[in-house]
Amino acid sequence: LCVGYLKRDWETLLAAYSSLRLQTNLKLVGGTGKVDLPESAQAQKIECLPYVPINQLKEIIARASLVALPLPYQLYSFGQMTLLQAMAMGKAVIVSNVPGIADYVQDGKNAILVRPYDYLEMRDKMEYWLTHPQERKTIGMEARKSIEEKFNEKNMAEGIFGSCMELLGYQSEKKTTVSCPGVVKIQSSKSEVDCDN
């Protein structure tokens, strides 16, 4: 399975898939109209889907044996939502080793990194993880654990809040109250921002 509506390296993924030495299906969510399917026997096992609603996407991810996330090399962040969605659902993800992914992945522990644009490495990793279901399950469990313990909304909100308070000059561990008209009230264990609505 590969999910992505923007900035996916479809070419590398399709080259890797076309050269697989085993038989498996490939589902491309978001690939409709963006992918030139290869002329090979494997191409008959590729299904391209357009945009799908989130509930349907969750069902598709849940049924996948493996998730591939081929990303082009860029210095800005993208692809994290797809990565984190799959990890949250306990899936092993093969993902390109690009700067925007580095903070989320421990290679071989909670996901599998491959060099960008290297279709042979991607093929080899796809073959290995498709034929090692127990190890794939272990990586999926670690991926889920990463989301539960670290990459969750609560930690993200606290991190943003802490950064904002630091920028405002509130670095004390004491409870702090800040007034800012027109903004809702925000609370934290360290600080409180009391704002008029």
N, C-alpha and C. Protein backbone atom coordinates (compact mmCIF):
# COMPACT_ATOMS: atom_id res chain seq x y z
N LEU A 1 0.84 -1.19 0.00
CA LEU A 1 0.00 0.00 0.00
C LEU A 1 0.88 1.24 0.00
N CYS A 2 0.50 2.21 -0.81
CA CYS A 2 1.13 3.53 -0.76
C CYS A 2 0.02 4.57 -0.78
N VAL A 3 0.09 5.52 0.15
CA VAL A 3 -0.91 6.58 0.25
C VAL A 3 -0.23 7.91 0.02
N GLY A 4 -0.82 8.76 -0.81
CA GLY A 4 -0.27 10.09 -0.98
C GLY A 4 -0.93 10.85 -2.10
N TYR A 5 -1.28 12.06 -1.81
CA TYR A 5 -1.94 12.90 -2.81
C TYR A 5 -0.96 13.90 -3.42
N LEU A 6 0.13 14.18 -2.72
CA LEU A 6 1.16 15.10 -3.20
C LEU A 6 2.54 14.57 -2.84
N LYS A 7 3.51 14.90 -3.64
CA LYS A 7 4.92 14.65 -3.34
C LYS A 7 5.23 13.19 -2.99
N ARG A 8 4.92 12.30 -3.90
CA ARG A 8 5.31 10.90 -3.76
C ARG A 8 6.20 10.53 -4.93
N ASP A 9 7.22 9.74 -4.67
CA ASP A 9 8.13 9.27 -5.71
C ASP A 9 7.56 7.98 -6.29
N TRP A 10 6.49 8.15 -7.07
CA TRP A 10 5.81 6.99 -7.66
C TRP A 10 6.75 6.19 -8.55
N GLU A 11 7.62 6.89 -9.26
CA GLU A 11 8.52 6.21 -10.21
C GLU A 11 9.39 5.17 -9.52
N THR A 12 9.99 5.55 -8.39
CA THR A 12 10.84 4.60 -7.66
C THR A 12 10.02 3.43 -7.12
N LEU A 13 8.85 3.72 -6.57
CA LEU A 13 8.01 2.66 -6.04
C LEU A 13 7.60 1.67 -7.14
N LEU A 14 7.19 2.19 -8.28
CA LEU A 14 6.75 1.32 -9.36
C LEU A 14 7.91 0.50 -9.94
N ALA A 15 9.09 1.09 -9.99
CA ALA A 15 10.27 0.34 -10.44
C ALA A 15 10.59 -0.79 -9.46
N ALA A 16 10.49 -0.48 -8.16
CA ALA A 16 10.75 -1.50 -7.14
C ALA A 16 9.71 -2.62 -7.25
N TYR A 17 8.46 -2.24 -7.36
CA TYR A 17 7.37 -3.21 -7.43
C TYR A 17 7.50 -4.09 -8.68
N SER A 18 7.82 -3.47 -9.81
CA SER A 18 7.92 -4.22 -11.07
C SER A 18 9.05 -5.24 -11.06
N SER A 19 10.06 -4.99 -10.21
CA SER A 19 11.20 -5.91 -10.18
C SER A 19 11.13 -6.91 -9.02
N LEU A 20 10.01 -6.92 -8.28
CA LEU A 20 9.86 -7.88 -7.19
C LEU A 20 9.96 -9.31 -7.72
N ARG A 21 10.57 -10.17 -6.92
CA ARG A 21 10.70 -11.57 -7.28
C ARG A 21 9.68 -12.42 -6.53
N LEU A 22 8.60 -11.79 -6.13
CA LEU A 22 7.47 -12.49 -5.53
C LEU A 22 6.19 -11.82 -6.00
N GLN A 23 5.07 -12.51 -5.83
CA GLN A 23 3.79 -11.98 -6.29
C GLN A 23 3.04 -11.32 -5.14
N THR A 24 2.63 -10.09 -5.35
CA THR A 24 1.81 -9.38 -4.36
C THR A 24 1.06 -8.25 -5.06
N ASN A 25 -0.01 -7.80 -4.46
CA ASN A 25 -0.77 -6.68 -5.02
C ASN A 25 -0.25 -5.36 -4.48
N LEU A 26 -0.47 -4.30 -5.24
CA LEU A 26 -0.07 -2.96 -4.82
C LEU A 26 -1.26 -2.03 -4.99
N LYS A 27 -1.61 -1.34 -3.91
CA LYS A 27 -2.71 -0.37 -3.95
C LYS A 27 -2.10 1.01 -3.78
N LEU A 28 -2.44 1.93 -4.71
CA LEU A 28 -1.94 3.30 -4.67
C LEU A 28 -3.12 4.24 -4.40
N VAL A 29 -3.23 4.72 -3.19
CA VAL A 29 -4.29 5.66 -2.84
C VAL A 29 -3.78 7.06 -3.14
N GLY A 30 -4.46 7.75 -4.06
CA GLY A 30 -4.01 9.07 -4.48
C GLY A 30 -3.22 9.03 -5.77
N GLY A 31 -3.03 7.85 -6.32
CA GLY A 31 -2.22 7.71 -7.52
C GLY A 31 -2.97 7.90 -8.82
N THR A 32 -4.30 7.93 -8.77
CA THR A 32 -5.10 8.06 -9.99
C THR A 32 -4.75 9.32 -10.75
N GLY A 33 -4.39 9.16 -12.01
CA GLY A 33 -4.05 10.30 -12.86
C GLY A 33 -2.64 10.83 -12.66
N LYS A 34 -1.89 10.26 -11.72
CA LYS A 34 -0.53 10.73 -11.45
C LYS A 34 0.53 9.69 -11.75
N VAL A 35 0.08 8.48 -12.04
CA VAL A 35 1.00 7.35 -12.17
C VAL A 35 0.94 6.77 -13.58
N ASP A 36 2.11 6.58 -14.18
CA ASP A 36 2.20 5.84 -15.43
C ASP A 36 2.54 4.40 -15.08
N LEU A 37 1.56 3.53 -15.23
CA LEU A 37 1.77 2.14 -14.85
C LEU A 37 2.75 1.45 -15.80
N PRO A 38 3.64 0.64 -15.25
CA PRO A 38 4.61 -0.07 -16.09
C PRO A 38 3.93 -1.12 -16.95
N GLU A 39 4.55 -1.43 -18.08
CA GLU A 39 4.03 -2.49 -18.96
C GLU A 39 4.66 -3.80 -18.56
N SER A 40 4.05 -4.43 -17.57
CA SER A 40 4.57 -5.71 -17.08
C SER A 40 3.42 -6.51 -16.51
N ALA A 41 3.71 -7.78 -16.25
CA ALA A 41 2.67 -8.63 -15.66
C ALA A 41 2.28 -8.12 -14.28
N GLN A 42 3.26 -7.56 -13.56
CA GLN A 42 2.98 -7.03 -12.23
C GLN A 42 1.98 -5.88 -12.28
N ALA A 43 1.98 -5.11 -13.37
CA ALA A 43 1.10 -3.95 -13.48
C ALA A 43 -0.37 -4.33 -13.34
N GLN A 44 -0.70 -5.56 -13.70
CA GLN A 44 -2.08 -6.02 -13.59
C GLN A 44 -2.52 -6.15 -12.14
N LYS A 45 -1.57 -6.17 -11.23
CA LYS A 45 -1.88 -6.31 -9.81
C LYS A 45 -1.84 -4.96 -9.09
N ILE A 46 -1.79 -3.86 -9.84
CA ILE A 46 -1.77 -2.51 -9.25
C ILE A 46 -3.16 -1.91 -9.33
N GLU A 47 -3.63 -1.40 -8.22
CA GLU A 47 -4.92 -0.72 -8.17
C GLU A 47 -4.69 0.73 -7.77
N CYS A 48 -5.13 1.65 -8.61
CA CYS A 48 -5.01 3.08 -8.32
C CYS A 48 -6.36 3.62 -7.86
N LEU A 49 -6.35 4.32 -6.75
CA LEU A 49 -7.56 4.92 -6.21
C LEU A 49 -7.40 6.43 -6.13
N PRO A 50 -8.48 7.19 -6.30
CA PRO A 50 -8.41 8.63 -6.11
C PRO A 50 -8.45 8.95 -4.61
N TYR A 51 -8.72 10.18 -4.27
CA TYR A 51 -8.91 10.58 -2.88
C TYR A 51 -10.00 9.70 -2.26
N VAL A 52 -9.77 9.23 -1.02
CA VAL A 52 -10.79 8.46 -0.32
C VAL A 52 -11.03 9.11 1.05
N PRO A 53 -12.27 9.07 1.55
CA PRO A 53 -12.56 9.62 2.88
C PRO A 53 -11.75 8.91 3.96
N ILE A 54 -11.52 9.59 5.07
CA ILE A 54 -10.63 9.07 6.11
C ILE A 54 -11.09 7.72 6.66
N ASN A 55 -12.39 7.50 6.83
CA ASN A 55 -12.85 6.21 7.36
C ASN A 55 -12.52 5.07 6.41
N GLN A 56 -12.68 5.32 5.11
CA GLN A 56 -12.32 4.31 4.11
C GLN A 56 -10.81 4.11 4.08
N LEU A 57 -10.06 5.21 4.21
CA LEU A 57 -8.60 5.11 4.21
C LEU A 57 -8.12 4.26 5.38
N LYS A 58 -8.73 4.43 6.55
CA LYS A 58 -8.36 3.63 7.71
C LYS A 58 -8.61 2.14 7.46
N GLU A 59 -9.69 1.83 6.79
CA GLU A 59 -9.98 0.43 6.47
C GLU A 59 -8.94 -0.13 5.50
N ILE A 60 -8.54 0.69 4.52
CA ILE A 60 -7.54 0.25 3.54
C ILE A 60 -6.20 0.00 4.23
N ILE A 61 -5.80 0.93 5.12
CA ILE A 61 -4.54 0.77 5.85
C ILE A 61 -4.60 -0.48 6.73
N ALA A 62 -5.73 -0.69 7.39
CA ALA A 62 -5.88 -1.84 8.29
C ALA A 62 -5.69 -3.16 7.55
N ARG A 63 -6.10 -3.22 6.28
CA ARG A 63 -5.99 -4.47 5.50
C ARG A 63 -4.60 -4.66 4.88
N ALA A 64 -3.77 -3.62 4.88
CA ALA A 64 -2.46 -3.71 4.22
C ALA A 64 -1.48 -4.55 5.01
N SER A 65 -0.67 -5.33 4.29
CA SER A 65 0.40 -6.09 4.93
C SER A 65 1.58 -5.18 5.25
N LEU A 66 1.81 -4.21 4.38
CA LEU A 66 2.99 -3.36 4.45
C LEU A 66 2.65 -2.02 3.81
N VAL A 67 3.23 -0.95 4.33
CA VAL A 67 3.02 0.38 3.76
C VAL A 67 4.36 0.90 3.22
N ALA A 68 4.34 1.39 1.99
CA ALA A 68 5.53 2.01 1.40
C ALA A 68 5.28 3.49 1.25
N LEU A 69 6.27 4.29 1.62
CA LEU A 69 6.14 5.74 1.53
C LEU A 69 7.38 6.30 0.82
N PRO A 70 7.36 6.26 -0.52
CA PRO A 70 8.51 6.75 -1.29
C PRO A 70 8.44 8.27 -1.43
N LEU A 71 9.39 8.96 -0.87
CA LEU A 71 9.37 10.43 -0.88
C LEU A 71 10.56 10.98 -1.65
N PRO A 72 10.34 12.04 -2.43
CA PRO A 72 11.48 12.70 -3.07
C PRO A 72 12.30 13.47 -2.03
N TYR A 73 13.56 13.65 -2.30
CA TYR A 73 14.43 14.34 -1.34
C TYR A 73 14.17 15.85 -1.41
N GLN A 74 13.69 16.39 -0.32
CA GLN A 74 13.48 17.84 -0.18
C GLN A 74 13.96 18.24 1.20
N LEU A 75 14.31 19.52 1.37
CA LEU A 75 14.80 19.98 2.67
C LEU A 75 13.68 20.45 3.59
N TYR A 76 12.45 20.43 3.13
CA TYR A 76 11.33 20.82 3.98
C TYR A 76 10.50 19.59 4.34
N SER A 77 9.61 19.76 5.31
CA SER A 77 8.86 18.63 5.85
C SER A 77 7.61 18.31 5.04
N PHE A 78 7.40 17.04 4.78
CA PHE A 78 6.17 16.53 4.18
C PHE A 78 6.18 15.02 4.35
N GLY A 79 5.00 14.43 4.26
CA GLY A 79 4.88 12.98 4.37
C GLY A 79 4.65 12.45 5.78
N GLN A 80 4.78 13.34 6.79
CA GLN A 80 4.67 12.86 8.17
C GLN A 80 3.28 12.34 8.51
N MET A 81 2.23 12.99 8.03
CA MET A 81 0.88 12.55 8.38
C MET A 81 0.62 11.12 7.91
N THR A 82 1.03 10.83 6.67
CA THR A 82 0.84 9.48 6.15
C THR A 82 1.66 8.48 6.96
N LEU A 83 2.89 8.84 7.26
CA LEU A 83 3.75 7.97 8.08
C LEU A 83 3.12 7.70 9.44
N LEU A 84 2.70 8.77 10.12
CA LEU A 84 2.16 8.63 11.47
C LEU A 84 0.82 7.89 11.48
N GLN A 85 0.00 8.10 10.45
CA GLN A 85 -1.27 7.35 10.36
C GLN A 85 -1.01 5.85 10.30
N ALA A 86 -0.08 5.46 9.43
CA ALA A 86 0.22 4.03 9.29
C ALA A 86 0.85 3.47 10.56
N MET A 87 1.76 4.24 11.17
CA MET A 87 2.39 3.80 12.42
C MET A 87 1.35 3.64 13.52
N ALA A 88 0.41 4.59 13.60
CA ALA A 88 -0.64 4.54 14.63
C ALA A 88 -1.51 3.30 14.48
N MET A 89 -1.61 2.80 13.26
CA MET A 89 -2.41 1.61 13.02
C MET A 89 -1.58 0.32 13.09
N GLY A 90 -0.35 0.46 13.59
CA GLY A 90 0.48 -0.72 13.82
C GLY A 90 1.05 -1.35 12.56
N LYS A 91 1.30 -0.52 11.55
CA LYS A 91 1.83 -1.04 10.29
C LYS A 91 3.33 -0.81 10.18
N ALA A 92 4.02 -1.79 9.60
CA ALA A 92 5.42 -1.59 9.24
C ALA A 92 5.45 -0.70 8.00
N VAL A 93 6.28 0.35 8.05
CA VAL A 93 6.35 1.31 6.95
C VAL A 93 7.77 1.36 6.41
N ILE A 94 7.89 1.21 5.09
CA ILE A 94 9.17 1.44 4.40
C ILE A 94 9.11 2.85 3.87
N VAL A 95 10.03 3.71 4.33
CA VAL A 95 9.95 5.13 4.01
C VAL A 95 11.32 5.66 3.57
N SER A 96 11.30 6.60 2.64
CA SER A 96 12.54 7.21 2.16
C SER A 96 13.20 8.01 3.28
N ASN A 97 14.51 7.90 3.36
CA ASN A 97 15.28 8.60 4.39
C ASN A 97 15.52 10.05 3.96
N VAL A 98 14.53 10.89 4.22
CA VAL A 98 14.60 12.30 3.86
C VAL A 98 14.52 13.14 5.14
N PRO A 99 14.97 14.41 5.10
CA PRO A 99 15.03 15.23 6.33
C PRO A 99 13.73 15.31 7.12
N GLY A 100 12.59 15.41 6.46
CA GLY A 100 11.32 15.57 7.16
C GLY A 100 10.87 14.36 7.95
N ILE A 101 11.52 13.23 7.75
CA ILE A 101 11.14 11.98 8.40
C ILE A 101 12.06 11.64 9.58
N ALA A 102 13.24 12.23 9.60
CA ALA A 102 14.30 11.83 10.54
C ALA A 102 13.87 11.81 12.01
N ASP A 103 13.05 12.76 12.42
CA ASP A 103 12.67 12.83 13.84
C ASP A 103 11.71 11.72 14.27
N TYR A 104 11.11 11.03 13.32
CA TYR A 104 10.07 10.06 13.65
C TYR A 104 10.51 8.61 13.59
N VAL A 105 11.59 8.33 12.87
CA VAL A 105 11.94 6.94 12.56
C VAL A 105 13.23 6.50 13.22
N GLN A 106 13.16 5.35 13.88
CA GLN A 106 14.35 4.62 14.31
C GLN A 106 14.44 3.42 13.38
N ASP A 107 15.38 3.50 12.46
CA ASP A 107 15.46 2.50 11.39
C ASP A 107 15.56 1.08 11.95
N GLY A 108 14.66 0.23 11.47
CA GLY A 108 14.66 -1.15 11.89
C GLY A 108 13.96 -1.39 13.21
N LYS A 109 13.53 -0.32 13.88
CA LYS A 109 12.82 -0.48 15.14
C LYS A 109 11.34 -0.14 15.00
N ASN A 110 11.04 1.10 14.53
CA ASN A 110 9.63 1.47 14.39
C ASN A 110 9.24 1.75 12.93
N ALA A 111 10.19 1.66 12.03
CA ALA A 111 9.96 1.78 10.59
C ALA A 111 11.23 1.35 9.88
N ILE A 112 11.19 1.33 8.55
CA ILE A 112 12.33 0.88 7.75
C ILE A 112 12.71 1.99 6.78
N LEU A 113 13.94 2.45 6.86
CA LEU A 113 14.41 3.51 5.97
C LEU A 113 15.06 2.93 4.72
N VAL A 114 14.86 3.65 3.61
CA VAL A 114 15.56 3.33 2.36
C VAL A 114 16.11 4.63 1.77
N ARG A 115 17.17 4.50 0.98
CA ARG A 115 17.73 5.68 0.33
C ARG A 115 16.74 6.23 -0.69
N PRO A 116 16.58 7.55 -0.77
CA PRO A 116 15.68 8.12 -1.78
C PRO A 116 16.12 7.70 -3.18
N TYR A 117 15.15 7.40 -4.03
CA TYR A 117 15.34 7.08 -5.46
C TYR A 117 16.04 5.74 -5.71
N ASP A 118 16.30 4.95 -4.66
CA ASP A 118 16.99 3.67 -4.83
C ASP A 118 15.95 2.55 -4.92
N TYR A 119 15.52 2.24 -6.15
CA TYR A 119 14.44 1.27 -6.30
C TYR A 119 14.88 -0.15 -5.94
N LEU A 120 16.17 -0.45 -6.11
CA LEU A 120 16.64 -1.79 -5.77
C LEU A 120 16.62 -2.02 -4.26
N GLU A 121 17.03 -1.00 -3.50
CA GLU A 121 16.96 -1.14 -2.04
C GLU A 121 15.50 -1.24 -1.59
N MET A 122 14.64 -0.44 -2.21
CA MET A 122 13.22 -0.51 -1.85
C MET A 122 12.66 -1.90 -2.19
N ARG A 123 13.02 -2.42 -3.35
CA ARG A 123 12.55 -3.76 -3.72
C ARG A 123 13.01 -4.80 -2.71
N ASP A 124 14.29 -4.74 -2.36
CA ASP A 124 14.84 -5.72 -1.43
C ASP A 124 14.16 -5.64 -0.06
N LYS A 125 13.91 -4.42 0.40
CA LYS A 125 13.23 -4.25 1.71
C LYS A 125 11.78 -4.72 1.61
N MET A 126 11.11 -4.44 0.51
CA MET A 126 9.74 -4.91 0.33
C MET A 126 9.70 -6.44 0.37
N GLU A 127 10.61 -7.08 -0.34
CA GLU A 127 10.64 -8.55 -0.37
C GLU A 127 10.90 -9.12 1.02
N TYR A 128 11.86 -8.52 1.72
CA TYR A 128 12.21 -9.04 3.05
C TYR A 128 11.02 -8.94 4.00
N TRP A 129 10.43 -7.75 4.08
CA TRP A 129 9.37 -7.54 5.07
C TRP A 129 8.07 -8.24 4.69
N LEU A 130 7.82 -8.43 3.41
CA LEU A 130 6.63 -9.19 3.00
C LEU A 130 6.76 -10.67 3.34
N THR A 131 7.98 -11.17 3.42
CA THR A 131 8.19 -12.60 3.68
C THR A 131 8.59 -12.89 5.13
N HIS A 132 8.57 -11.87 5.98
CA HIS A 132 8.89 -12.06 7.41
C HIS A 132 7.76 -11.46 8.26
N PRO A 133 6.61 -12.13 8.30
CA PRO A 133 5.44 -11.55 8.97
C PRO A 133 5.62 -11.29 10.47
N GLN A 134 6.36 -12.14 11.17
CA GLN A 134 6.53 -11.93 12.61
C GLN A 134 7.37 -10.68 12.88
N GLU A 135 8.44 -10.51 12.12
CA GLU A 135 9.27 -9.31 12.28
C GLU A 135 8.50 -8.06 11.87
N ARG A 136 7.68 -8.20 10.83
CA ARG A 136 6.83 -7.09 10.38
C ARG A 136 5.85 -6.69 11.48
N LYS A 137 5.29 -7.69 12.13
CA LYS A 137 4.35 -7.42 13.24
C LYS A 137 5.07 -6.72 14.39
N THR A 138 6.29 -7.13 14.69
CA THR A 138 7.06 -6.51 15.78
C THR A 138 7.33 -5.04 15.48
N ILE A 139 7.72 -4.74 14.24
CA ILE A 139 7.96 -3.33 13.87
C ILE A 139 6.66 -2.54 13.95
N GLY A 140 5.56 -3.14 13.53
CA GLY A 140 4.26 -2.47 13.62
C GLY A 140 3.88 -2.15 15.05
N MET A 141 4.16 -3.08 15.96
CA MET A 141 3.87 -2.84 17.38
C MET A 141 4.73 -1.72 17.94
N GLU A 142 6.00 -1.68 17.54
CA GLU A 142 6.89 -0.60 17.98
C GLU A 142 6.45 0.75 17.38
N ALA A 143 5.97 0.70 16.15
CA ALA A 143 5.47 1.92 15.51
C ALA A 143 4.29 2.47 16.29
N ARG A 144 3.35 1.61 16.63
CA ARG A 144 2.18 2.02 17.42
C ARG A 144 2.60 2.58 18.77
N LYS A 145 3.56 1.92 19.40
CA LYS A 145 4.06 2.37 20.70
C LYS A 145 4.69 3.77 20.59
N SER A 146 5.39 4.03 19.50
CA SER A 146 5.99 5.36 19.28
C SER A 146 4.93 6.45 19.26
N ILE A 147 3.80 6.15 18.63
CA ILE A 147 2.71 7.12 18.55
C ILE A 147 2.09 7.32 19.93
N GLU A 148 1.81 6.23 20.62
CA GLU A 148 1.17 6.32 21.92
C GLU A 148 2.02 7.07 22.94
N GLU A 149 3.34 6.85 22.90
CA GLU A 149 4.21 7.42 23.92
C GLU A 149 4.83 8.76 23.56
N LYS A 150 5.00 9.03 22.26
CA LYS A 150 5.75 10.22 21.89
C LYS A 150 5.05 11.10 20.86
N PHE A 151 4.66 10.54 19.73
CA PHE A 151 4.15 11.35 18.61
C PHE A 151 2.63 11.45 18.63
N ASN A 152 2.11 11.99 19.73
CA ASN A 152 0.66 12.10 19.86
C ASN A 152 0.25 13.57 19.98
N GLU A 153 -1.03 13.83 19.88
CA GLU A 153 -1.55 15.21 19.89
C GLU A 153 -1.24 15.93 21.19
N LYS A 154 -1.33 15.23 22.31
CA LYS A 154 -1.07 15.85 23.61
C LYS A 154 0.36 16.37 23.68
N ASN A 155 1.33 15.53 23.32
CA ASN A 155 2.73 15.96 23.35
C ASN A 155 2.99 17.09 22.36
N MET A 156 2.36 17.01 21.19
CA MET A 156 2.53 18.07 20.20
C MET A 156 1.99 19.39 20.73
N ALA A 157 0.79 19.37 21.33
CA ALA A 157 0.19 20.59 21.86
C ALA A 157 1.02 21.17 22.99
N GLU A 158 1.51 20.31 23.87
CA GLU A 158 2.35 20.80 24.97
C GLU A 158 3.66 21.38 24.45
N GLY A 159 4.22 20.76 23.41
CA GLY A 159 5.45 21.29 22.83
C GLY A 159 5.26 22.65 22.20
N ILE A 160 4.15 22.81 21.45
CA ILE A 160 3.85 24.10 20.84
C ILE A 160 3.60 25.16 21.91
N PHE A 161 2.82 24.77 22.93
CA PHE A 161 2.52 25.70 24.02
C PHE A 161 3.80 26.13 24.73
N GLY A 162 4.66 25.14 25.03
CA GLY A 162 5.91 25.46 25.70
C GLY A 162 6.80 26.39 24.88
N SER A 163 6.84 26.16 23.58
CA SER A 163 7.64 27.03 22.70
C SER A 163 7.08 28.44 22.67
N CYS A 164 5.76 28.54 22.62
CA CYS A 164 5.12 29.87 22.62
C CYS A 164 5.41 30.61 23.92
N MET A 165 5.29 29.90 25.04
CA MET A 165 5.56 30.53 26.33
C MET A 165 7.02 30.96 26.43
N GLU A 166 7.91 30.16 25.91
CA GLU A 166 9.33 30.51 25.93
C GLU A 166 9.59 31.76 25.08
N LEU A 167 8.94 31.82 23.91
CA LEU A 167 9.08 33.01 23.06
C LEU A 167 8.55 34.26 23.74
N LEU A 168 7.49 34.08 24.56
CA LEU A 168 6.91 35.21 25.29
C LEU A 168 7.72 35.56 26.53
N GLY A 169 8.71 34.75 26.85
CA GLY A 169 9.58 35.04 27.98
C GLY A 169 9.16 34.39 29.28
N TYR A 170 8.23 33.43 29.22
CA TYR A 170 7.77 32.75 30.43
C TYR A 170 8.46 31.40 30.53
N GLN A 171 9.63 31.39 31.15
CA GLN A 171 10.41 30.15 31.24
C GLN A 171 10.37 29.55 32.63
N SER A 172 9.65 30.20 33.54
CA SER A 172 9.59 29.73 34.91
C SER A 172 8.75 28.46 35.02
N GLU A 173 9.07 27.65 36.01
CA GLU A 173 8.28 26.46 36.29
C GLU A 173 7.00 26.82 37.05
N LYS A 174 6.93 28.06 37.57
CA LYS A 174 5.74 28.48 38.31
C LYS A 174 4.57 28.67 37.37
N LYS A 175 3.39 28.63 37.94
CA LYS A 175 2.18 28.86 37.15
C LYS A 175 2.15 30.32 36.73
N THR A 176 1.94 30.56 35.45
CA THR A 176 1.96 31.90 34.90
C THR A 176 0.63 32.19 34.23
N THR A 177 0.13 33.42 34.38
CA THR A 177 -1.09 33.82 33.70
C THR A 177 -0.78 34.96 32.76
N VAL A 178 -1.25 34.85 31.51
CA VAL A 178 -1.02 35.87 30.50
C VAL A 178 -2.36 36.26 29.91
N SER A 179 -2.61 37.55 29.75
CA SER A 179 -3.86 38.00 29.14
C SER A 179 -3.63 38.37 27.69
N CYS A 180 -4.51 37.90 26.82
CA CYS A 180 -4.44 38.25 25.40
C CYS A 180 -5.86 38.30 24.86
N PRO A 181 -6.46 39.48 24.76
CA PRO A 181 -7.85 39.62 24.33
C PRO A 181 -8.11 38.97 22.97
N GLY A 182 -9.29 38.34 22.86
CA GLY A 182 -9.69 37.77 21.58
C GLY A 182 -9.26 36.34 21.35
N VAL A 183 -8.54 35.74 22.30
CA VAL A 183 -8.07 34.37 22.14
C VAL A 183 -8.62 33.54 23.29
N VAL A 184 -8.83 32.26 23.05
CA VAL A 184 -9.40 31.39 24.08
C VAL A 184 -8.40 31.12 25.19
N LYS A 185 -8.90 30.61 26.31
CA LYS A 185 -8.06 30.30 27.47
C LYS A 185 -7.31 28.99 27.24
N ILE A 186 -6.03 29.00 27.54
CA ILE A 186 -5.18 27.82 27.37
C ILE A 186 -4.58 27.50 28.73
N GLN A 187 -4.60 26.23 29.13
CA GLN A 187 -4.04 25.83 30.41
C GLN A 187 -2.94 24.80 30.21
N SER A 188 -1.97 24.84 31.12
CA SER A 188 -0.91 23.86 31.13
C SER A 188 -0.53 23.61 32.57
N SER A 189 0.15 22.51 32.85
CA SER A 189 0.60 22.23 34.20
C SER A 189 1.64 23.26 34.64
N LYS A 190 2.33 23.87 33.69
CA LYS A 190 3.36 24.84 34.01
C LYS A 190 2.83 26.27 33.96
N SER A 191 1.89 26.52 33.07
CA SER A 191 1.45 27.89 32.84
C SER A 191 -0.02 27.94 32.50
N GLU A 192 -0.58 29.12 32.62
CA GLU A 192 -1.97 29.33 32.24
C GLU A 192 -2.06 30.63 31.47
N VAL A 193 -2.67 30.57 30.30
CA VAL A 193 -2.89 31.78 29.50
C VAL A 193 -4.38 32.06 29.59
N ASP A 194 -4.76 33.17 30.25
CA ASP A 194 -6.16 33.50 30.45
C ASP A 194 -6.55 34.59 29.47
N CYS A 195 -7.31 34.24 28.46
CA CYS A 195 -7.60 35.16 27.38
C CYS A 195 -9.09 35.35 27.21
N ASP A 196 -9.50 36.58 26.95
CA ASP A 196 -10.90 36.87 26.72
C ASP A 196 -11.32 36.38 25.36
N ASN A 197 -12.53 35.86 25.26
CA ASN A 197 -13.00 35.32 23.98
C ASN A 197 -13.69 36.39 23.18
